[in-house]
Amino acid sequence: MALTIVLGYDGSACAKAALARCTDILQETRGGKVVVVVAYPLSVGYVPPGMTTSPMLMGPELQQHVDMLEQSARAQAEEAAVELRSAGVEAEIEVAAEHAVDALLDAAGRHQADFIAVGTHGEGAISGALLGSTSYRLVHRSRVPLLIVPLRD
């Protein structure tokens, strides 16, 4: 039976450790695919109330910024996919303009994933402590099994 793994990827050392573990698992089981998900949440928290539908919000500078975020996310996803494919693992990519947890849960449902794989952390320790980490939120929200991979020396 071929496995389907949804991998949360942000280019961090922990994400690379999770990618390596996914590669090992699929090579051991001889089949399956990894769906690499890179999320880049957009915030309009600084926009005055009532202005969220204004055409002024999507001026050329803002659109360039959004395009840059998407291109960067796509490049990260492709980086992971290239590494997976070079190891003989089938890979797909998804880039989502939403929070990582939502993007991972959505992808897991759409692809009927056997599990979601993430690193233990990708953000800095301070922001992770203040905001909570993706892996912590997944533990509390996912109905799909999780593989949370620590960074090892």
C-alpha atoms as a PDB file:
ATOM      1  CA  MET A   1       0.000   0.000   0.000  1.00  0.00           C
ATOM      2  CA  ALA A   2       1.470   3.330  -1.056  1.00  0.00           C
ATOM      3  CA  LEU A   3       1.627   6.046   1.575  1.00  0.00           C
ATOM      4  CA  THR A   4       0.683   9.675   1.097  1.00  0.00           C
ATOM      5  CA  ILE A   5       2.532  12.091   3.356  1.00  0.00           C
ATOM      6  CA  VAL A   6       1.819  15.798   3.664  1.00  0.00           C
ATOM      7  CA  LEU A   7       5.047  17.578   4.592  1.00  0.00           C
ATOM      8  CA  GLY A   8       5.059  21.041   6.118  1.00  0.00           C
ATOM      9  CA  TYR A   9       8.165  22.740   4.798  1.00  0.00           C
ATOM     10  CA  ASP A  10       9.710  26.139   5.509  1.00  0.00           C
ATOM     11  CA  GLY A  11      13.360  25.547   4.620  1.00  0.00           C
ATOM     12  CA  SER A  12      14.458  25.384   8.262  1.00  0.00           C
ATOM     13  CA  ALA A  13      16.823  22.725   9.573  1.00  0.00           C
ATOM     14  CA  CYS A  14      13.907  20.986  11.297  1.00  0.00           C
ATOM     15  CA  ALA A  15      11.870  20.967   8.091  1.00  0.00           C
ATOM     16  CA  LYS A  16      14.847  19.433   6.289  1.00  0.00           C
ATOM     17  CA  ALA A  17      15.053  16.750   9.000  1.00  0.00           C
ATOM     18  CA  ALA A  18      11.346  15.985   8.464  1.00  0.00           C
ATOM     19  CA  LEU A  19      11.937  15.807   4.698  1.00  0.00           C
ATOM     20  CA  ALA A  20      14.807  13.352   5.227  1.00  0.00           C
ATOM     21  CA  ARG A  21      12.636  11.179   7.482  1.00  0.00           C
ATOM     22  CA  CYS A  22       9.834  11.149   4.881  1.00  0.00           C
ATOM     23  CA  THR A  23      12.371  10.059   2.269  1.00  0.00           C
ATOM     24  CA  ASP A  24      13.571   7.235   4.534  1.00  0.00           C
ATOM     25  CA  ILE A  25      10.027   6.042   5.222  1.00  0.00           C
ATOM     26  CA  LEU A  26       9.012   5.969   1.559  1.00  0.00           C
ATOM     27  CA  GLN A  27      12.223   4.245   0.524  1.00  0.00           C
ATOM     28  CA  GLU A  28      11.659   1.602   3.241  1.00  0.00           C
ATOM     29  CA  THR A  29       8.019   1.039   2.237  1.00  0.00           C
ATOM     30  CA  ARG A  30       8.827   1.202  -1.478  1.00  0.00           C
ATOM     31  CA  GLY A  31       6.163   3.562  -2.575  1.00  0.00           C
ATOM     32  CA  GLY A  32       4.031   6.581  -2.065  1.00  0.00           C
ATOM     33  CA  LYS A  33       4.288  10.303  -2.432  1.00  0.00           C
ATOM     34  CA  VAL A  34       5.021  13.432  -0.469  1.00  0.00           C
ATOM     35  CA  VAL A  35       2.906  16.537  -0.878  1.00  0.00           C
ATOM     36  CA  VAL A  36       5.170  19.437   0.083  1.00  0.00           C
ATOM     37  CA  VAL A  37       3.155  22.304   1.571  1.00  0.00           C
ATOM     38  CA  VAL A  38       4.612  25.781   2.026  1.00  0.00           C
ATOM     39  CA  ALA A  39       2.327  28.385   3.574  1.00  0.00           C
ATOM     40  CA  TYR A  40       2.728  32.129   3.704  1.00  0.00           C
ATOM     41  CA  PRO A  41      -0.029  33.779   5.706  1.00  0.00           C
ATOM     42  CA  LEU A  42      -1.020  37.278   4.659  1.00  0.00           C
ATOM     43  CA  SER A  43      -2.170  39.678   7.329  1.00  0.00           C
ATOM     44  CA  VAL A  44      -4.307  42.730   6.835  1.00  0.00           C
ATOM     45  CA  GLY A  45      -4.283  43.560  10.545  1.00  0.00           C
ATOM     46  CA  TYR A  46      -2.867  47.008   9.856  1.00  0.00           C
ATOM     47  CA  VAL A  47      -5.712  47.933   7.506  1.00  0.00           C
ATOM     48  CA  PRO A  48      -8.323  50.326   8.941  1.00  0.00           C
ATOM     49  CA  PRO A  49     -11.764  48.771   9.531  1.00  0.00           C
ATOM     50  CA  GLY A  50     -14.017  49.011   6.499  1.00  0.00           C
ATOM     51  CA  MET A  51     -11.076  49.229   4.096  1.00  0.00           C
ATOM     52  CA  THR A  52     -10.578  45.503   3.488  1.00  0.00           C
ATOM     53  CA  THR A  53     -12.578  45.600   0.242  1.00  0.00           C
ATOM     54  CA  SER A  54     -11.091  48.846  -1.016  1.00  0.00           C
ATOM     55  CA  PRO A  55      -9.365  48.668  -4.412  1.00  0.00           C
ATOM     56  CA  MET A  56      -6.664  50.874  -2.871  1.00  0.00           C
ATOM     57  CA  LEU A  57      -5.440  47.872  -0.888  1.00  0.00           C
ATOM     58  CA  MET A  58      -4.254  46.007  -3.944  1.00  0.00           C
ATOM     59  CA  GLY A  59      -2.097  48.749  -5.319  1.00  0.00           C
ATOM     60  CA  PRO A  60       0.929  47.755  -7.382  1.00  0.00           C
ATOM     61  CA  GLU A  61       3.313  47.774  -4.396  1.00  0.00           C
ATOM     62  CA  LEU A  62       1.135  45.448  -2.339  1.00  0.00           C
ATOM     63  CA  GLN A  63       0.583  43.132  -5.297  1.00  0.00           C
ATOM     64  CA  GLN A  64       4.351  43.011  -5.910  1.00  0.00           C
ATOM     65  CA  HIS A  65       4.867  42.085  -2.259  1.00  0.00           C
ATOM     66  CA  VAL A  66       2.259  39.308  -2.445  1.00  0.00           C
ATOM     67  CA  ASP A  67       3.815  38.018  -5.677  1.00  0.00           C
ATOM     68  CA  MET A  68       7.249  38.012  -4.049  1.00  0.00           C
ATOM     69  CA  LEU A  69       5.936  35.996  -1.077  1.00  0.00           C
ATOM     70  CA  GLU A  70       4.327  33.465  -3.389  1.00  0.00           C
ATOM     71  CA  GLN A  71       7.469  33.138  -5.533  1.00  0.00           C
ATOM     72  CA  SER A  72       9.603  32.624  -2.432  1.00  0.00           C
ATOM     73  CA  ALA A  73       7.211  29.979  -1.096  1.00  0.00           C
ATOM     74  CA  ARG A  74       7.122  28.234  -4.472  1.00  0.00           C
ATOM     75  CA  ALA A  75      10.941  28.218  -4.601  1.00  0.00           C
ATOM     76  CA  GLN A  76      11.074  26.622  -1.122  1.00  0.00           C
ATOM     77  CA  ALA A  77       8.553  23.975  -2.153  1.00  0.00           C
ATOM     78  CA  GLU A  78      10.461  23.237  -5.355  1.00  0.00           C
ATOM     79  CA  GLU A  79      13.706  22.951  -3.385  1.00  0.00           C
ATOM     80  CA  ALA A  80      12.129  20.231  -1.241  1.00  0.00           C
ATOM     81  CA  ALA A  81      10.525  18.495  -4.227  1.00  0.00           C
ATOM     82  CA  VAL A  82      13.832  18.372  -6.100  1.00  0.00           C
ATOM     83  CA  GLU A  83      15.497  16.737  -3.096  1.00  0.00           C
ATOM     84  CA  LEU A  84      12.700  14.182  -2.775  1.00  0.00           C
ATOM     85  CA  ARG A  85      12.704  13.363  -6.479  1.00  0.00           C
ATOM     86  CA  SER A  86      16.479  12.988  -6.530  1.00  0.00           C
ATOM     87  CA  ALA A  87      16.031  10.293  -3.867  1.00  0.00           C
ATOM     88  CA  GLY A  88      13.454   8.533  -6.041  1.00  0.00           C
ATOM     89  CA  VAL A  89      10.400   9.768  -4.111  1.00  0.00           C
ATOM     90  CA  GLU A  90       7.328  11.097  -5.916  1.00  0.00           C
ATOM     91  CA  ALA A  91       6.640  14.696  -4.886  1.00  0.00           C
ATOM     92  CA  GLU A  92       3.952  17.300  -5.461  1.00  0.00           C
ATOM     93  CA  ILE A  93       3.975  20.878  -4.232  1.00  0.00           C
ATOM     94  CA  GLU A  94       1.309  23.150  -2.835  1.00  0.00           C
ATOM     95  CA  VAL A  95       1.727  26.795  -1.939  1.00  0.00           C
ATOM     96  CA  ALA A  96      -0.968  28.413   0.193  1.00  0.00           C
ATOM     97  CA  ALA A  97      -1.609  31.980   1.296  1.00  0.00           C
ATOM     98  CA  GLU A  98      -2.861  30.902   4.712  1.00  0.00           C
ATOM     99  CA  HIS A  99      -1.562  29.812   8.096  1.00  0.00           C
ATOM    100  CA  ALA A 100       0.540  26.656   7.987  1.00  0.00           C
ATOM    101  CA  VAL A 101      -1.773  24.578  10.177  1.00  0.00           C
ATOM    102  CA  ASP A 102      -4.801  25.339   8.009  1.00  0.00           C
ATOM    103  CA  ALA A 103      -2.851  24.651   4.815  1.00  0.00           C
ATOM    104  CA  LEU A 104      -1.534  21.326   6.154  1.00  0.00           C
ATOM    105  CA  LEU A 105      -4.925  20.155   7.403  1.00  0.00           C
ATOM    106  CA  ASP A 106      -6.578  21.156   4.116  1.00  0.00           C
ATOM    107  CA  ALA A 107      -3.945  19.326   2.077  1.00  0.00           C
ATOM    108  CA  ALA A 108      -4.158  16.236   4.300  1.00  0.00           C
ATOM    109  CA  GLY A 109      -7.906  16.063   3.765  1.00  0.00           C
ATOM    110  CA  ARG A 110      -7.783  16.620   0.011  1.00  0.00           C
ATOM    111  CA  HIS A 111      -5.020  14.065  -0.516  1.00  0.00           C
ATOM    112  CA  GLN A 112      -6.351  11.577   2.059  1.00  0.00           C
ATOM    113  CA  ALA A 113      -2.931  11.639   3.697  1.00  0.00           C
ATOM    114  CA  ASP A 114      -1.764   8.814   5.886  1.00  0.00           C
ATOM    115  CA  PHE A 115       0.011  11.363   8.055  1.00  0.00           C
ATOM    116  CA  ILE A 116       1.352  14.894   8.278  1.00  0.00           C
ATOM    117  CA  ALA A 117       5.084  15.379   8.850  1.00  0.00           C
ATOM    118  CA  VAL A 118       6.644  18.538  10.290  1.00  0.00           C
ATOM    119  CA  GLY A 119       9.768  19.505  12.143  1.00  0.00           C
ATOM    120  CA  THR A 120       9.572  20.328  15.836  1.00  0.00           C
ATOM    121  CA  HIS A 121      10.058  24.011  15.083  1.00  0.00           C
ATOM    122  CA  GLY A 122      10.722  26.348  12.215  1.00  0.00           C
ATOM    123  CA  GLU A 123      10.194  29.717  13.784  1.00  0.00           C
ATOM    124  CA  GLY A 124      12.437  31.313  16.365  1.00  0.00           C
ATOM    125  CA  ALA A 125      12.189  30.157  19.964  1.00  0.00           C
ATOM    126  CA  ILE A 126      10.758  33.457  21.180  1.00  0.00           C
ATOM    127  CA  SER A 127       8.023  33.732  18.552  1.00  0.00           C
ATOM    128  CA  GLY A 128       7.279  30.023  18.990  1.00  0.00           C
ATOM    129  CA  ALA A 129       6.826  30.504  22.724  1.00  0.00           C
ATOM    130  CA  LEU A 130       4.653  33.572  22.274  1.00  0.00           C
ATOM    131  CA  LEU A 131       2.527  32.403  19.360  1.00  0.00           C
ATOM    132  CA  GLY A 132       2.656  28.641  19.695  1.00  0.00           C
ATOM    133  CA  SER A 133       4.284  26.432  17.108  1.00  0.00           C
ATOM    134  CA  THR A 134       2.799  24.741  14.085  1.00  0.00           C
ATOM    135  CA  SER A 135       3.544  21.306  15.501  1.00  0.00           C
ATOM    136  CA  TYR A 136       1.864  22.191  18.810  1.00  0.00           C
ATOM    137  CA  ARG A 137      -1.257  23.443  17.021  1.00  0.00           C
ATOM    138  CA  LEU A 138      -1.364  20.362  14.812  1.00  0.00           C
ATOM    139  CA  VAL A 139      -1.303  18.108  17.872  1.00  0.00           C
ATOM    140  CA  HIS A 140      -4.480  19.778  19.055  1.00  0.00           C
ATOM    141  CA  ARG A 141      -6.323  20.086  15.728  1.00  0.00           C
ATOM    142  CA  SER A 142      -5.323  17.231  13.442  1.00  0.00           C
ATOM    143  CA  ARG A 143      -7.512  14.186  12.920  1.00  0.00           C
ATOM    144  CA  VAL A 144      -4.678  12.725  10.835  1.00  0.00           C
ATOM    145  CA  PRO A 145      -1.688  11.036  12.503  1.00  0.00           C
ATOM    146  CA  LEU A 146       1.377  13.244  12.893  1.00  0.00           C
ATOM    147  CA  LEU A 147       5.107  12.701  12.561  1.00  0.00           C
ATOM    148  CA  ILE A 148       6.938  15.459  14.405  1.00  0.00           C
ATOM    149  CA  VAL A 149      10.655  15.218  13.671  1.00  0.00           C
ATOM    150  CA  PRO A 150      13.228  16.741  16.010  1.00  0.00           C
ATOM    151  CA  LEU A 151      16.494  18.195  14.797  1.00  0.00           C
ATOM    152  CA  ARG A 152      19.339  15.877  15.726  1.00  0.00           C
ATOM    153  CA  ASP A 153      23.041  16.649  15.694  1.00  0.00           C
END
